[in-house]
């Protein structure tokens, strides 16, 4: 048995950004309810590196990108896009681990 580590560093920072910089939520617990207030992300996608891109791509010059904003997008769509970005980045780390080891991850501790 062995352990692998993959850094998904922007998870808390993304939620804090929605709270502190945009004022979309007043506390972290509100993000789930807000994200569930919409049926989908309405085509909004969030690439989260505020300072650099972490695992599995690594890039110190990467910057955050939000794509797909239209006049119909609301704060629920942004909250959902943030949570989906966290999930997607976690999935990418798990896929990279599987590719490198040829093994399926059995346990994920967060």
PDB file of N, CA and C in Angstrom:
ATOM      1  N   UNK A   1       0.835  -1.163   0.000  1.00  0.00           N
ATOM      2  CA  UNK A   1       0.000   0.000   0.000  1.00  0.00           C
ATOM      3  C   UNK A   1       0.893   1.245   0.000  1.00  0.00           C
ATOM      4  N   UNK A   2       0.447   2.258  -0.723  1.00  0.00           N
ATOM      5  CA  UNK A   2       1.177   3.509  -0.736  1.00  0.00           C
ATOM      6  C   UNK A   2       0.189   4.658  -0.892  1.00  0.00           C
ATOM      7  N   UNK A   3       0.686   5.868  -0.715  1.00  0.00           N
ATOM      8  CA  UNK A   3      -0.174   7.050  -0.800  1.00  0.00           C
ATOM      9  C   UNK A   3       0.314   7.960  -1.906  1.00  0.00           C
ATOM     10  N   UNK A   4      -0.619   8.634  -2.532  1.00  0.00           N
ATOM     11  CA  UNK A   4      -0.313   9.651  -3.532  1.00  0.00           C
ATOM     12  C   UNK A   4      -0.901  10.964  -3.063  1.00  0.00           C
ATOM     13  N   UNK A   5      -0.279  12.063  -3.445  1.00  0.00           N
ATOM     14  CA  UNK A   5      -0.790  13.367  -3.071  1.00  0.00           C
ATOM     15  C   UNK A   5      -0.984  14.203  -4.319  1.00  0.00           C
ATOM     16  N   UNK A   6      -2.090  14.903  -4.380  1.00  0.00           N
ATOM     17  CA  UNK A   6      -2.347  15.832  -5.461  1.00  0.00           C
ATOM     18  C   UNK A   6      -2.915  17.107  -4.874  1.00  0.00           C
ATOM     19  N   UNK A   7      -2.334  18.215  -5.191  1.00  0.00           N
ATOM     20  CA  UNK A   7      -2.738  19.482  -4.595  1.00  0.00           C
ATOM     21  C   UNK A   7      -3.834  20.161  -5.417  1.00  0.00           C
ATOM     22  N   UNK A   8      -4.977  20.353  -4.797  1.00  0.00           N
ATOM     23  CA  UNK A   8      -6.063  21.148  -5.375  1.00  0.00           C
ATOM     24  C   UNK A   8      -6.175  22.353  -4.447  1.00  0.00           C
ATOM     25  N   UNK A   9      -5.327  23.333  -4.678  1.00  0.00           N
ATOM     26  CA  UNK A   9      -5.087  24.386  -3.698  1.00  0.00           C
ATOM     27  C   UNK A   9      -6.100  25.522  -3.694  1.00  0.00           C
ATOM     28  N   UNK A  10      -6.868  25.675  -4.721  1.00  0.00           N
ATOM     29  CA  UNK A  10      -7.731  26.847  -4.823  1.00  0.00           C
ATOM     30  C   UNK A  10      -9.136  26.654  -4.275  1.00  0.00           C
ATOM     31  N   UNK A  11      -9.445  25.545  -3.670  1.00  0.00           N
ATOM     32  CA  UNK A  11     -10.819  25.281  -3.256  1.00  0.00           C
ATOM     33  C   UNK A  11     -11.339  26.318  -2.263  1.00  0.00           C
ATOM     34  N   UNK A  12     -10.680  26.462  -1.154  1.00  0.00           N
ATOM     35  CA  UNK A  12     -11.101  27.453  -0.164  1.00  0.00           C
ATOM     36  C   UNK A  12     -10.952  28.874  -0.668  1.00  0.00           C
ATOM     37  N   UNK A  13      -9.907  29.125  -1.438  1.00  0.00           N
ATOM     38  CA  UNK A  13      -9.678  30.474  -1.969  1.00  0.00           C
ATOM     39  C   UNK A  13     -10.802  30.899  -2.912  1.00  0.00           C
ATOM     40  N   UNK A  14     -11.335  29.961  -3.679  1.00  0.00           N
ATOM     41  CA  UNK A  14     -12.430  30.289  -4.599  1.00  0.00           C
ATOM     42  C   UNK A  14     -13.680  30.696  -3.841  1.00  0.00           C
ATOM     43  N   UNK A  15     -14.005  29.942  -2.811  1.00  0.00           N
ATOM     44  CA  UNK A  15     -15.185  30.262  -2.011  1.00  0.00           C
ATOM     45  C   UNK A  15     -14.991  31.590  -1.283  1.00  0.00           C
ATOM     46  N   UNK A  16     -13.802  31.816  -0.735  1.00  0.00           N
ATOM     47  CA  UNK A  16     -13.509  33.106  -0.084  1.00  0.00           C
ATOM     48  C   UNK A  16     -13.614  34.255  -1.067  1.00  0.00           C
ATOM     49  N   UNK A  17     -13.173  34.052  -2.308  1.00  0.00           N
ATOM     50  CA  UNK A  17     -13.237  35.086  -3.330  1.00  0.00           C
ATOM     51  C   UNK A  17     -14.684  35.472  -3.603  1.00  0.00           C
ATOM     52  N   UNK A  18     -15.564  34.472  -3.733  1.00  0.00           N
ATOM     53  CA  UNK A  18     -16.991  34.768  -3.927  1.00  0.00           C
ATOM     54  C   UNK A  18     -17.548  35.553  -2.746  1.00  0.00           C
ATOM     55  N   UNK A  19     -17.090  35.215  -1.547  1.00  0.00           N
ATOM     56  CA  UNK A  19     -17.575  35.886  -0.330  1.00  0.00           C
ATOM     57  C   UNK A  19     -16.962  37.262  -0.151  1.00  0.00           C
ATOM     58  N   UNK A  20     -15.639  37.335  -0.160  1.00  0.00           N
ATOM     59  CA  UNK A  20     -14.952  38.570   0.215  1.00  0.00           C
ATOM     60  C   UNK A  20     -14.826  39.584  -0.921  1.00  0.00           C
ATOM     61  N   UNK A  21     -14.563  39.119  -2.128  1.00  0.00           N
ATOM     62  CA  UNK A  21     -14.313  40.046  -3.225  1.00  0.00           C
ATOM     63  C   UNK A  21     -15.569  40.393  -4.019  1.00  0.00           C
ATOM     64  N   UNK A  22     -16.468  39.429  -4.179  1.00  0.00           N
ATOM     65  CA  UNK A  22     -17.667  39.681  -4.972  1.00  0.00           C
ATOM     66  C   UNK A  22     -18.917  39.874  -4.124  1.00  0.00           C
ATOM     67  N   UNK A  23     -18.892  39.435  -2.877  1.00  0.00           N
ATOM     68  CA  UNK A  23     -20.053  39.577  -2.005  1.00  0.00           C
ATOM     69  C   UNK A  23     -21.241  38.732  -2.437  1.00  0.00           C
ATOM     70  N   UNK A  24     -20.995  37.677  -3.195  1.00  0.00           N
ATOM     71  CA  UNK A  24     -22.067  36.819  -3.695  1.00  0.00           C
ATOM     72  C   UNK A  24     -22.651  35.969  -2.565  1.00  0.00           C
ATOM     73  N   UNK A  25     -21.833  35.584  -1.619  1.00  0.00           N
ATOM     74  CA  UNK A  25     -22.279  34.846  -0.441  1.00  0.00           C
ATOM     75  C   UNK A  25     -21.759  35.578   0.786  1.00  0.00           C
ATOM     76  N   UNK A  26     -22.427  35.379   1.923  1.00  0.00           N
ATOM     77  CA  UNK A  26     -21.942  36.020   3.148  1.00  0.00           C
ATOM     78  C   UNK A  26     -21.154  35.056   4.025  1.00  0.00           C
ATOM     79  N   UNK A  27     -21.319  33.734   3.794  1.00  0.00           N
ATOM     80  CA  UNK A  27     -20.487  32.743   4.474  1.00  0.00           C
ATOM     81  C   UNK A  27     -20.363  31.519   3.565  1.00  0.00           C
ATOM     82  N   UNK A  28     -19.351  30.726   3.817  1.00  0.00           N
ATOM     83  CA  UNK A  28     -19.025  29.599   2.926  1.00  0.00           C
ATOM     84  C   UNK A  28     -20.157  28.586   2.817  1.00  0.00           C
ATOM     85  N   UNK A  29     -20.928  28.418   3.875  1.00  0.00           N
ATOM     86  CA  UNK A  29     -22.013  27.435   3.845  1.00  0.00           C
ATOM     87  C   UNK A  29     -23.085  27.773   2.809  1.00  0.00           C
ATOM     88  N   UNK A  30     -23.192  29.017   2.419  1.00  0.00           N
ATOM     89  CA  UNK A  30     -24.231  29.441   1.476  1.00  0.00           C
ATOM     90  C   UNK A  30     -23.972  29.012   0.040  1.00  0.00           C
ATOM     91  N   UNK A  31     -22.749  28.651  -0.303  1.00  0.00           N
ATOM     92  CA  UNK A  31     -22.423  28.389  -1.701  1.00  0.00           C
ATOM     93  C   UNK A  31     -23.197  27.196  -2.265  1.00  0.00           C
ATOM     94  N   UNK A  32     -23.382  26.158  -1.461  1.00  0.00           N
ATOM     95  CA  UNK A  32     -24.091  24.978  -1.974  1.00  0.00           C
ATOM     96  C   UNK A  32     -25.538  25.311  -2.314  1.00  0.00           C
ATOM     97  N   UNK A  33     -26.232  25.980  -1.414  1.00  0.00           N
ATOM     98  CA  UNK A  33     -27.632  26.339  -1.657  1.00  0.00           C
ATOM     99  C   UNK A  33     -27.752  27.258  -2.874  1.00  0.00           C
ATOM    100  N   UNK A  34     -26.835  28.196  -3.006  1.00  0.00           N
ATOM    101  CA  UNK A  34     -26.853  29.105  -4.148  1.00  0.00           C
ATOM    102  C   UNK A  34     -26.610  28.350  -5.449  1.00  0.00           C
ATOM    103  N   UNK A  35     -25.647  27.436  -5.434  1.00  0.00           N
ATOM    104  CA  UNK A  35     -25.350  26.640  -6.635  1.00  0.00           C
ATOM    105  C   UNK A  35     -26.532  25.749  -7.016  1.00  0.00           C
ATOM    106  N   UNK A  36     -27.253  25.254  -6.034  1.00  0.00           N
ATOM    107  CA  UNK A  36     -28.407  24.402  -6.298  1.00  0.00           C
ATOM    108  C   UNK A  36     -29.647  25.192  -6.711  1.00  0.00           C
ATOM    109  N   UNK A  37     -29.581  26.508  -6.646  1.00  0.00           N
ATOM    110  CA  UNK A  37     -30.725  27.342  -7.030  1.00  0.00           C
ATOM    111  C   UNK A  37     -30.893  27.423  -8.550  1.00  0.00           C
ATOM    112  N   UNK A  38     -29.919  26.903  -9.291  1.00  0.00           N
ATOM    113  CA  UNK A  38     -29.983  26.889 -10.759  1.00  0.00           C
ATOM    114  C   UNK A  38     -29.887  25.449 -11.238  1.00  0.00           C
ATOM    115  N   UNK A  39     -30.451  25.168 -12.415  1.00  0.00           N
ATOM    116  CA  UNK A  39     -30.471  23.777 -12.894  1.00  0.00           C
ATOM    117  C   UNK A  39     -29.151  23.340 -13.500  1.00  0.00           C
ATOM    118  N   UNK A  40     -28.322  24.301 -13.949  1.00  0.00           N
ATOM    119  CA  UNK A  40     -27.021  23.986 -14.523  1.00  0.00           C
ATOM    120  C   UNK A  40     -26.143  25.232 -14.448  1.00  0.00           C
ATOM    121  N   UNK A  41     -24.976  25.152 -15.051  1.00  0.00           N
ATOM    122  CA  UNK A  41     -24.062  26.304 -14.988  1.00  0.00           C
ATOM    123  C   UNK A  41     -24.325  27.335 -16.083  1.00  0.00           C
ATOM    124  N   UNK A  42     -25.328  27.092 -16.920  1.00  0.00           N
ATOM    125  CA  UNK A  42     -25.710  28.004 -18.013  1.00  0.00           C
ATOM    126  C   UNK A  42     -24.541  28.311 -18.949  1.00  0.00           C
ATOM    127  N   UNK A  43     -23.613  27.371 -19.067  1.00  0.00           N
ATOM    128  CA  UNK A  43     -22.473  27.559 -19.961  1.00  0.00           C
ATOM    129  C   UNK A  43     -21.324  28.353 -19.370  1.00  0.00           C
ATOM    130  N   UNK A  44     -21.376  28.611 -18.062  1.00  0.00           N
ATOM    131  CA  UNK A  44     -20.301  29.341 -17.392  1.00  0.00           C
ATOM    132  C   UNK A  44     -19.272  28.338 -16.883  1.00  0.00           C
ATOM    133  N   UNK A  45     -18.021  28.574 -17.234  1.00  0.00           N
ATOM    134  CA  UNK A  45     -16.921  27.714 -16.788  1.00  0.00           C
ATOM    135  C   UNK A  45     -15.856  28.577 -16.146  1.00  0.00           C
ATOM    136  N   UNK A  46     -15.275  28.038 -15.100  1.00  0.00           N
ATOM    137  CA  UNK A  46     -14.336  28.758 -14.266  1.00  0.00           C
ATOM    138  C   UNK A  46     -13.029  27.979 -14.236  1.00  0.00           C
ATOM    139  N   UNK A  47     -11.930  28.613 -14.623  1.00  0.00           N
ATOM    140  CA  UNK A  47     -10.597  28.014 -14.508  1.00  0.00           C
ATOM    141  C   UNK A  47      -9.933  28.754 -13.359  1.00  0.00           C
ATOM    142  N   UNK A  48      -9.680  28.064 -12.237  1.00  0.00           N
ATOM    143  CA  UNK A  48      -9.458  28.732 -10.970  1.00  0.00           C
ATOM    144  C   UNK A  48      -8.094  29.281 -10.572  1.00  0.00           C
ATOM    145  N   UNK A  49      -7.035  29.193 -11.306  1.00  0.00           N
ATOM    146  CA  UNK A  49      -5.771  29.642 -10.706  1.00  0.00           C
ATOM    147  C   UNK A  49      -5.689  31.161 -10.547  1.00  0.00           C
ATOM    148  N   UNK A  50      -5.739  31.645  -9.317  1.00  0.00           N
ATOM    149  CA  UNK A  50      -5.567  33.075  -9.067  1.00  0.00           C
ATOM    150  C   UNK A  50      -4.097  33.464  -9.102  1.00  0.00           C
ATOM    151  N   UNK A  51      -3.221  32.538  -8.723  1.00  0.00           N
ATOM    152  CA  UNK A  51      -1.799  32.861  -8.701  1.00  0.00           C
ATOM    153  C   UNK A  51      -0.967  31.891  -9.522  1.00  0.00           C
ATOM    154  N   UNK A  52      -1.354  30.632  -9.544  1.00  0.00           N
ATOM    155  CA  UNK A  52      -0.670  29.650 -10.376  1.00  0.00           C
ATOM    156  C   UNK A  52      -1.545  28.418 -10.521  1.00  0.00           C
ATOM    157  N   UNK A  53      -1.274  27.618 -11.519  1.00  0.00           N
ATOM    158  CA  UNK A  53      -2.031  26.407 -11.785  1.00  0.00           C
ATOM    159  C   UNK A  53      -1.352  25.246 -11.073  1.00  0.00           C
ATOM    160  N   UNK A  54      -2.118  24.527 -10.280  1.00  0.00           N
ATOM    161  CA  UNK A  54      -1.577  23.421  -9.497  1.00  0.00           C
ATOM    162  C   UNK A  54      -1.765  22.099 -10.240  1.00  0.00           C
ATOM    163  N   UNK A  55      -1.696  21.017  -9.506  1.00  0.00           N
ATOM    164  CA  UNK A  55      -1.757  19.668 -10.078  1.00  0.00           C
ATOM    165  C   UNK A  55      -3.043  19.488 -10.887  1.00  0.00           C
ATOM    166  N   UNK A  56      -2.988  18.724 -11.945  1.00  0.00           N
ATOM    167  CA  UNK A  56      -1.831  18.015 -12.469  1.00  0.00           C
ATOM    168  C   UNK A  56      -1.095  18.773 -13.570  1.00  0.00           C
ATOM    169  N   UNK A  57      -1.394  20.038 -13.806  1.00  0.00           N
ATOM    170  CA  UNK A  57      -0.806  20.760 -14.941  1.00  0.00           C
ATOM    171  C   UNK A  57       0.368  21.663 -14.587  1.00  0.00           C
ATOM    172  N   UNK A  58       0.374  22.251 -13.446  1.00  0.00           N
ATOM    173  CA  UNK A  58       1.456  23.097 -12.937  1.00  0.00           C
ATOM    174  C   UNK A  58       1.849  24.216 -13.897  1.00  0.00           C
ATOM    175  N   UNK A  59       1.654  25.416 -13.481  1.00  0.00           N
ATOM    176  CA  UNK A  59       2.066  26.572 -14.264  1.00  0.00           C
ATOM    177  C   UNK A  59       2.052  27.812 -13.395  1.00  0.00           C
ATOM    178  N   UNK A  60       3.213  28.415 -13.199  1.00  0.00           N
ATOM    179  CA  UNK A  60       3.300  29.564 -12.289  1.00  0.00           C
ATOM    180  C   UNK A  60       2.781  30.853 -12.907  1.00  0.00           C
ATOM    181  N   UNK A  61       2.562  30.873 -14.212  1.00  0.00           N
ATOM    182  CA  UNK A  61       2.091  32.107 -14.843  1.00  0.00           C
ATOM    183  C   UNK A  61       0.605  32.053 -15.226  1.00  0.00           C
ATOM    184  N   UNK A  62      -0.106  31.004 -14.826  1.00  0.00           N
ATOM    185  CA  UNK A  62      -1.526  30.868 -15.151  1.00  0.00           C
ATOM    186  C   UNK A  62      -2.352  31.876 -14.366  1.00  0.00           C
ATOM    187  N   UNK A  63      -3.464  32.282 -14.941  1.00  0.00           N
ATOM    188  CA  UNK A  63      -4.380  33.214 -14.293  1.00  0.00           C
ATOM    189  C   UNK A  63      -5.800  32.699 -14.427  1.00  0.00           C
ATOM    190  N   UNK A  64      -6.663  33.187 -13.577  1.00  0.00           N
ATOM    191  CA  UNK A  64      -8.060  32.776 -13.544  1.00  0.00           C
ATOM    192  C   UNK A  64      -8.790  33.221 -14.812  1.00  0.00           C
ATOM    193  N   UNK A  65      -9.718  32.357 -15.265  1.00  0.00           N
ATOM    194  CA  UNK A  65     -10.533  32.665 -16.434  1.00  0.00           C
ATOM    195  C   UNK A  65     -11.976  32.273 -16.118  1.00  0.00           C
ATOM    196  N   UNK A  66     -12.912  33.135 -16.457  1.00  0.00           N
ATOM    197  CA  UNK A  66     -14.332  32.812 -16.385  1.00  0.00           C
ATOM    198  C   UNK A  66     -14.866  32.952 -17.799  1.00  0.00           C
ATOM    199  N   UNK A  67     -15.467  31.884 -18.309  1.00  0.00           N
ATOM    200  CA  UNK A  67     -15.970  31.859 -19.684  1.00  0.00           C
ATOM    201  C   UNK A  67     -17.478  31.669 -19.698  1.00  0.00           C
ATOM    202  N   UNK A  68     -18.129  32.183 -20.717  1.00  0.00           N
ATOM    203  CA  UNK A  68     -19.532  31.888 -20.963  1.00  0.00           C
ATOM    204  C   UNK A  68     -20.526  32.810 -20.297  1.00  0.00           C
ATOM    205  N   UNK A  69     -20.096  33.935 -19.787  1.00  0.00           N
ATOM    206  CA  UNK A  69     -21.025  34.847 -19.124  1.00  0.00           C
ATOM    207  C   UNK A  69     -21.889  35.554 -20.167  1.00  0.00           C
ATOM    208  N   UNK A  70     -23.196  35.458 -19.969  1.00  0.00           N
ATOM    209  CA  UNK A  70     -24.168  36.169 -20.804  1.00  0.00           C
ATOM    210  C   UNK A  70     -25.044  37.013 -19.888  1.00  0.00           C
ATOM    211  N   UNK A  71     -25.974  37.719 -20.476  1.00  0.00           N
ATOM    212  CA  UNK A  71     -26.884  38.542 -19.686  1.00  0.00           C
ATOM    213  C   UNK A  71     -27.827  37.745 -18.806  1.00  0.00           C
ATOM    214  N   UNK A  72     -27.971  36.461 -19.072  1.00  0.00           N
ATOM    215  CA  UNK A  72     -28.857  35.611 -18.281  1.00  0.00           C
ATOM    216  C   UNK A  72     -28.174  34.966 -17.081  1.00  0.00           C
ATOM    217  N   UNK A  73     -26.867  35.090 -16.980  1.00  0.00           N
ATOM    218  CA  UNK A  73     -26.105  34.462 -15.898  1.00  0.00           C
ATOM    219  C   UNK A  73     -26.331  35.231 -14.600  1.00  0.00           C
ATOM    220  N   UNK A  74     -26.563  34.477 -13.527  1.00  0.00           N
ATOM    221  CA  UNK A  74     -26.726  35.115 -12.223  1.00  0.00           C
ATOM    222  C   UNK A  74     -25.723  34.532 -11.227  1.00  0.00           C
ATOM    223  N   UNK A  75     -25.802  34.979  -9.987  1.00  0.00           N
ATOM    224  CA  UNK A  75     -24.822  34.538  -8.990  1.00  0.00           C
ATOM    225  C   UNK A  75     -24.915  33.038  -8.712  1.00  0.00           C
ATOM    226  N   UNK A  76     -26.064  32.431  -8.911  1.00  0.00           N
ATOM    227  CA  UNK A  76     -26.182  30.986  -8.757  1.00  0.00           C
ATOM    228  C   UNK A  76     -25.329  30.248  -9.777  1.00  0.00           C
ATOM    229  N   UNK A  77     -25.318  30.758 -11.005  1.00  0.00           N
ATOM    230  CA  UNK A  77     -24.496  30.139 -12.044  1.00  0.00           C
ATOM    231  C   UNK A  77     -23.006  30.262 -11.713  1.00  0.00           C
ATOM    232  N   UNK A  78     -22.606  31.423 -11.188  1.00  0.00           N
ATOM    233  CA  UNK A  78     -21.197  31.602 -10.804  1.00  0.00           C
ATOM    234  C   UNK A  78     -20.825  30.659  -9.662  1.00  0.00           C
ATOM    235  N   UNK A  79     -21.695  30.549  -8.672  1.00  0.00           N
ATOM    236  CA  UNK A  79     -21.426  29.633  -7.551  1.00  0.00           C
ATOM    237  C   UNK A  79     -21.312  28.200  -8.054  1.00  0.00           C
ATOM    238  N   UNK A  80     -22.197  27.815  -8.939  1.00  0.00           N
ATOM    239  CA  UNK A  80     -22.161  26.450  -9.486  1.00  0.00           C
ATOM    240  C   UNK A  80     -20.890  26.229 -10.297  1.00  0.00           C
ATOM    241  N   UNK A  81     -20.501  27.212 -11.099  1.00  0.00           N
ATOM    242  CA  UNK A  81     -19.279  27.086 -11.893  1.00  0.00           C
ATOM    243  C   UNK A  81     -18.053  26.944 -10.997  1.00  0.00           C
ATOM    244  N   UNK A  82     -18.033  27.647  -9.871  1.00  0.00           N
ATOM    245  CA  UNK A  82     -16.910  27.529  -8.930  1.00  0.00           C
ATOM    246  C   UNK A  82     -16.856  26.125  -8.346  1.00  0.00           C
ATOM    247  N   UNK A  83     -17.987  25.607  -7.893  1.00  0.00           N
ATOM    248  CA  UNK A  83     -17.990  24.252  -7.320  1.00  0.00           C
ATOM    249  C   UNK A  83     -17.655  23.201  -8.371  1.00  0.00           C
ATOM    250  N   UNK A  84     -18.127  23.393  -9.586  1.00  0.00           N
ATOM    251  CA  UNK A  84     -17.783  22.449 -10.664  1.00  0.00           C
ATOM    252  C   UNK A  84     -16.298  22.501 -10.992  1.00  0.00           C
ATOM    253  N   UNK A  85     -15.699  23.686 -10.914  1.00  0.00           N
ATOM    254  CA  UNK A  85     -14.262  23.815 -11.169  1.00  0.00           C
ATOM    255  C   UNK A  85     -13.463  23.044 -10.129  1.00  0.00           C
ATOM    256  N   UNK A  86     -13.892  23.111  -8.876  1.00  0.00           N
ATOM    257  CA  UNK A  86     -13.222  22.362  -7.811  1.00  0.00           C
ATOM    258  C   UNK A  86     -13.343  20.860  -8.081  1.00  0.00           C
ATOM    259  N   UNK A  87     -14.537  20.417  -8.432  1.00  0.00           N
ATOM    260  CA  UNK A  87     -14.752  18.993  -8.718  1.00  0.00           C
ATOM    261  C   UNK A  87     -13.944  18.549  -9.931  1.00  0.00           C
ATOM    262  N   UNK A  88     -13.916  19.367 -10.975  1.00  0.00           N
ATOM    263  CA  UNK A  88     -13.179  19.010 -12.179  1.00  0.00           C
ATOM    264  C   UNK A  88     -11.683  18.910 -11.908  1.00  0.00           C
ATOM    265  N   UNK A  89     -11.152  19.859 -11.141  1.00  0.00           N
ATOM    266  CA  UNK A  89      -9.726  19.813 -10.843  1.00  0.00           C
ATOM    267  C   UNK A  89      -9.384  18.583 -10.006  1.00  0.00           C
ATOM    268  N   UNK A  90     -10.261  18.226  -9.072  1.00  0.00           N
ATOM    269  CA  UNK A  90     -10.058  17.017  -8.275  1.00  0.00           C
ATOM    270  C   UNK A  90     -10.067  15.789  -9.179  1.00  0.00           C
ATOM    271  N   UNK A  91     -11.012  15.759 -10.107  1.00  0.00           N
ATOM    272  CA  UNK A  91     -11.088  14.638 -11.053  1.00  0.00           C
ATOM    273  C   UNK A  91      -9.804  14.541 -11.884  1.00  0.00           C
ATOM    274  N   UNK A  92      -9.280  15.677 -12.336  1.00  0.00           N
ATOM    275  CA  UNK A  92      -8.050  15.652 -13.126  1.00  0.00           C
ATOM    276  C   UNK A  92      -6.890  15.077 -12.326  1.00  0.00           C
ATOM    277  N   UNK A  93      -6.799  15.416 -11.060  1.00  0.00           N
ATOM    278  CA  UNK A  93      -5.734  14.878 -10.211  1.00  0.00           C
ATOM    279  C   UNK A  93      -5.886  13.365 -10.085  1.00  0.00           C
ATOM    280  N   UNK A  94      -7.118  12.903  -9.857  1.00  0.00           N
ATOM    281  CA  UNK A  94      -7.346  11.461  -9.739  1.00  0.00           C
ATOM    282  C   UNK A  94      -7.023  10.737 -11.037  1.00  0.00           C
ATOM    283  N   UNK A  95      -7.383  11.311 -12.172  1.00  0.00           N
ATOM    284  CA  UNK A  95      -7.070  10.697 -13.461  1.00  0.00           C
ATOM    285  C   UNK A  95      -5.564  10.649 -13.704  1.00  0.00           C
ATOM    286  N   UNK A  96      -4.851  11.687 -13.295  1.00  0.00           N
ATOM    287  CA  UNK A  96      -3.396  11.689 -13.444  1.00  0.00           C
ATOM    288  C   UNK A  96      -2.757  10.609 -12.582  1.00  0.00           C
ATOM    289  N   UNK A  97      -3.300  10.426 -11.374  1.00  0.00           N
ATOM    290  CA  UNK A  97      -2.788   9.369 -10.497  1.00  0.00           C
ATOM    291  C   UNK A  97      -3.010   7.992 -11.118  1.00  0.00           C
ATOM    292  N   UNK A  98      -4.184   7.785 -11.675  1.00  0.00           N
ATOM    293  CA  UNK A  98      -4.488   6.501 -12.306  1.00  0.00           C
ATOM    294  C   UNK A  98      -3.575   6.263 -13.493  1.00  0.00           C
ATOM    295  N   UNK A  99      -3.342   7.297 -14.289  1.00  0.00           N
ATOM    296  CA  UNK A  99      -2.473   7.161 -15.458  1.00  0.00           C
ATOM    297  C   UNK A  99      -1.044   6.807 -15.051  1.00  0.00           C
ATOM    298  N   UNK A 100      -0.555   7.456 -14.014  1.00  0.00           N
ATOM    299  CA  UNK A 100       0.828   7.219 -13.577  1.00  0.00           C
ATOM    300  C   UNK A 100       1.026   5.861 -12.915  1.00  0.00           C
ATOM    301  N   UNK A 101       0.017   5.390 -12.201  1.00  0.00           N
ATOM    302  CA  UNK A 101       0.177   4.156 -11.427  1.00  0.00           C
ATOM    303  C   UNK A 101      -0.517   2.949 -12.048  1.00  0.00           C
ATOM    304  N   UNK A 102      -1.394   3.193 -13.020  1.00  0.00           N
ATOM    305  CA  UNK A 102      -2.214   2.135 -13.599  1.00  0.00           C
ATOM    306  C   UNK A 102      -3.110   1.482 -12.546  1.00  0.00           C
ATOM    307  N   UNK A 103      -3.434   2.244 -11.513  1.00  0.00           N
ATOM    308  CA  UNK A 103      -4.289   1.745 -10.435  1.00  0.00           C
ATOM    309  C   UNK A 103      -5.421   2.736 -10.195  1.00  0.00           C
ATOM    310  N   UNK A 104      -6.557   2.210  -9.757  1.00  0.00           N
ATOM    311  CA  UNK A 104      -7.698   3.047  -9.412  1.00  0.00           C
ATOM    312  C   UNK A 104      -7.541   3.537  -7.979  1.00  0.00           C
ATOM    313  N   UNK A 105      -7.787   4.811  -7.725  1.00  0.00           N
ATOM    314  CA  UNK A 105      -7.748   5.340  -6.377  1.00  0.00           C
ATOM    315  C   UNK A 105      -8.895   4.710  -5.588  1.00  0.00           C
ATOM    316  N   UNK A 106      -8.586   4.155  -4.431  1.00  0.00           N
ATOM    317  CA  UNK A 106      -9.587   3.459  -3.619  1.00  0.00           C
ATOM    318  C   UNK A 106     -10.183   4.361  -2.544  1.00  0.00           C
ATOM    319  N   UNK A 107      -9.382   5.277  -2.004  1.00  0.00           N
ATOM    320  CA  UNK A 107      -9.828   6.143  -0.926  1.00  0.00           C
ATOM    321  C   UNK A 107      -9.341   7.556  -1.191  1.00  0.00           C
ATOM    322  N   UNK A 108     -10.214   8.509  -0.981  1.00  0.00           N
ATOM    323  CA  UNK A 108      -9.868   9.923  -1.145  1.00  0.00           C
ATOM    324  C   UNK A 108     -10.115  10.608   0.184  1.00  0.00           C
ATOM    325  N   UNK A 109      -9.086  11.225   0.745  1.00  0.00           N
ATOM    326  CA  UNK A 109      -9.217  11.954   2.010  1.00  0.00           C
ATOM    327  C   UNK A 109      -9.009  13.428   1.725  1.00  0.00           C
ATOM    328  N   UNK A 110      -9.971  14.209   2.174  1.00  0.00           N
ATOM    329  CA  UNK A 110      -9.953  15.646   1.883  1.00  0.00           C
ATOM    330  C   UNK A 110      -9.769  16.413   3.169  1.00  0.00           C
TER     331      UNK A 110
END
